[in-house]
Amino acid sequence: RWEVRDRGNEKHRAKDRRRDRQKEERVALLTDVLPAVLALRLRQTDEDG
């Protein structure tokens, strides 16, 4: 009985770990992309002004 429950928990834990990794990747993507996007916007406004 305990073994089955532990195996289920492992599956859940793996899913949580995957979700955390996706979250971290998304955050890394944002922190990488946002400065570039802001720089582009600033450059465009400089050209317009």
N, C-alpha and C. Protein backbone atom coordinates (compact mmCIF):
# COMPACT_ATOMS: atom_id res chain seq x y z
N ARG A 1 0.84 -1.20 0.00
CA ARG A 1 0.00 0.00 0.00
C ARG A 1 0.88 1.26 0.00
N TRP A 2 1.88 1.27 0.87
CA TRP A 2 2.74 2.45 0.96
C TRP A 2 3.53 2.69 -0.32
N GLU A 3 4.02 1.57 -0.91
CA GLU A 3 4.82 1.71 -2.12
C GLU A 3 4.04 2.40 -3.23
N VAL A 4 2.77 1.98 -3.38
CA VAL A 4 1.95 2.57 -4.45
C VAL A 4 1.80 4.06 -4.20
N ARG A 5 1.51 4.42 -2.95
CA ARG A 5 1.30 5.83 -2.64
C ARG A 5 2.58 6.63 -2.90
N ASP A 6 3.73 6.07 -2.52
CA ASP A 6 4.99 6.77 -2.75
C ASP A 6 5.22 6.99 -4.24
N ARG A 7 4.92 5.95 -5.02
CA ARG A 7 5.12 6.08 -6.46
C ARG A 7 4.23 7.21 -7.01
N GLY A 8 3.00 7.31 -6.50
CA GLY A 8 2.11 8.38 -6.94
C GLY A 8 2.68 9.73 -6.57
N ASN A 9 3.24 9.84 -5.37
CA ASN A 9 3.83 11.10 -4.96
C ASN A 9 5.00 11.47 -5.85
N GLU A 10 5.81 10.46 -6.21
CA GLU A 10 6.94 10.73 -7.10
C GLU A 10 6.46 11.31 -8.42
N LYS A 11 5.36 10.75 -8.95
CA LYS A 11 4.81 11.25 -10.21
C LYS A 11 4.40 12.71 -10.04
N HIS A 12 3.71 13.01 -8.92
CA HIS A 12 3.28 14.37 -8.67
C HIS A 12 4.49 15.30 -8.55
N ARG A 13 5.51 14.81 -7.83
CA ARG A 13 6.69 15.62 -7.62
C ARG A 13 7.38 15.94 -8.95
N ALA A 14 7.44 14.95 -9.83
CA ALA A 14 8.04 15.16 -11.15
C ALA A 14 7.26 16.21 -11.92
N LYS A 15 5.93 16.14 -11.82
CA LYS A 15 5.10 17.12 -12.53
C LYS A 15 5.37 18.53 -11.97
N ASP A 16 5.44 18.64 -10.63
CA ASP A 16 5.71 19.94 -10.02
C ASP A 16 7.06 20.47 -10.47
N ARG A 17 8.06 19.55 -10.52
CA ARG A 17 9.39 19.97 -10.92
C ARG A 17 9.37 20.51 -12.35
N ARG A 18 8.63 19.81 -13.23
CA ARG A 18 8.54 20.24 -14.62
C ARG A 18 7.88 21.62 -14.69
N ARG A 19 6.82 21.80 -13.89
CA ARG A 19 6.12 23.08 -13.89
C ARG A 19 7.06 24.20 -13.42
N ASP A 20 7.85 23.92 -12.36
CA ASP A 20 8.78 24.92 -11.85
C ASP A 20 9.80 25.28 -12.92
N ARG A 21 10.29 24.25 -13.63
CA ARG A 21 11.30 24.52 -14.67
C ARG A 21 10.70 25.39 -15.76
N GLN A 22 9.45 25.11 -16.15
CA GLN A 22 8.79 25.93 -17.18
C GLN A 22 8.66 27.37 -16.69
N LYS A 23 8.30 27.52 -15.41
CA LYS A 23 8.16 28.86 -14.85
C LYS A 23 9.50 29.60 -14.90
N GLU A 24 10.57 28.89 -14.49
CA GLU A 24 11.89 29.51 -14.50
C GLU A 24 12.30 29.90 -15.92
N GLU A 25 12.01 29.01 -16.88
CA GLU A 25 12.36 29.32 -18.27
C GLU A 25 11.60 30.55 -18.75
N ARG A 26 10.32 30.64 -18.38
CA ARG A 26 9.52 31.79 -18.80
C ARG A 26 10.09 33.07 -18.20
N VAL A 27 10.47 33.01 -16.92
CA VAL A 27 11.04 34.20 -16.26
C VAL A 27 12.36 34.58 -16.93
N ALA A 28 13.20 33.57 -17.22
CA ALA A 28 14.47 33.85 -17.88
C ALA A 28 14.23 34.49 -19.24
N LEU A 29 13.24 33.96 -19.96
CA LEU A 29 12.90 34.52 -21.26
C LEU A 29 12.51 35.98 -21.12
N LEU A 30 11.66 36.27 -20.14
CA LEU A 30 11.22 37.65 -19.94
C LEU A 30 12.40 38.55 -19.61
N THR A 31 13.26 38.11 -18.69
CA THR A 31 14.37 38.96 -18.28
C THR A 31 15.35 39.15 -19.43
N ASP A 32 15.42 38.16 -20.35
CA ASP A 32 16.30 38.32 -21.51
C ASP A 32 15.67 39.22 -22.55
N VAL A 33 14.37 39.04 -22.79
CA VAL A 33 13.70 39.72 -23.90
C VAL A 33 13.35 41.16 -23.56
N LEU A 34 12.86 41.40 -22.33
CA LEU A 34 12.35 42.72 -21.99
C LEU A 34 13.38 43.83 -22.22
N PRO A 35 14.62 43.71 -21.73
CA PRO A 35 15.59 44.77 -21.98
C PRO A 35 15.79 45.04 -23.47
N ALA A 36 15.82 43.99 -24.28
CA ALA A 36 15.99 44.16 -25.72
C ALA A 36 14.80 44.91 -26.31
N VAL A 37 13.59 44.51 -25.90
CA VAL A 37 12.39 45.17 -26.40
C VAL A 37 12.38 46.64 -25.98
N LEU A 38 12.71 46.90 -24.73
CA LEU A 38 12.73 48.29 -24.25
C LEU A 38 13.77 49.10 -25.01
N ALA A 39 14.95 48.50 -25.26
CA ALA A 39 16.00 49.20 -26.00
C ALA A 39 15.51 49.54 -27.41
N LEU A 40 14.83 48.58 -28.04
CA LEU A 40 14.29 48.84 -29.39
C LEU A 40 13.29 49.98 -29.35
N ARG A 41 12.39 49.95 -28.37
CA ARG A 41 11.37 51.01 -28.25
C ARG A 41 12.05 52.36 -28.08
N LEU A 42 13.06 52.41 -27.21
CA LEU A 42 13.75 53.68 -26.96
C LEU A 42 14.40 54.18 -28.25
N ARG A 43 15.03 53.25 -28.99
CA ARG A 43 15.68 53.63 -30.23
C ARG A 43 14.65 54.20 -31.21
N GLN A 44 13.47 53.57 -31.28
CA GLN A 44 12.44 54.03 -32.20
C GLN A 44 11.96 55.42 -31.79
N THR A 45 11.74 55.64 -30.50
CA THR A 45 11.26 56.95 -30.06
C THR A 45 12.32 58.01 -30.30
N ASP A 46 13.60 57.64 -30.16
CA ASP A 46 14.67 58.59 -30.45
C ASP A 46 14.64 58.99 -31.92
N GLU A 47 14.44 58.01 -32.81
CA GLU A 47 14.40 58.30 -34.24
C GLU A 47 13.19 59.16 -34.57
N ASP A 48 12.04 58.88 -33.95
CA ASP A 48 10.83 59.66 -34.22
C ASP A 48 11.02 61.09 -33.71
N GLY A 49 11.57 61.24 -32.53
CA GLY A 49 11.75 62.57 -31.93
C GLY A 49 12.83 63.30 -32.69
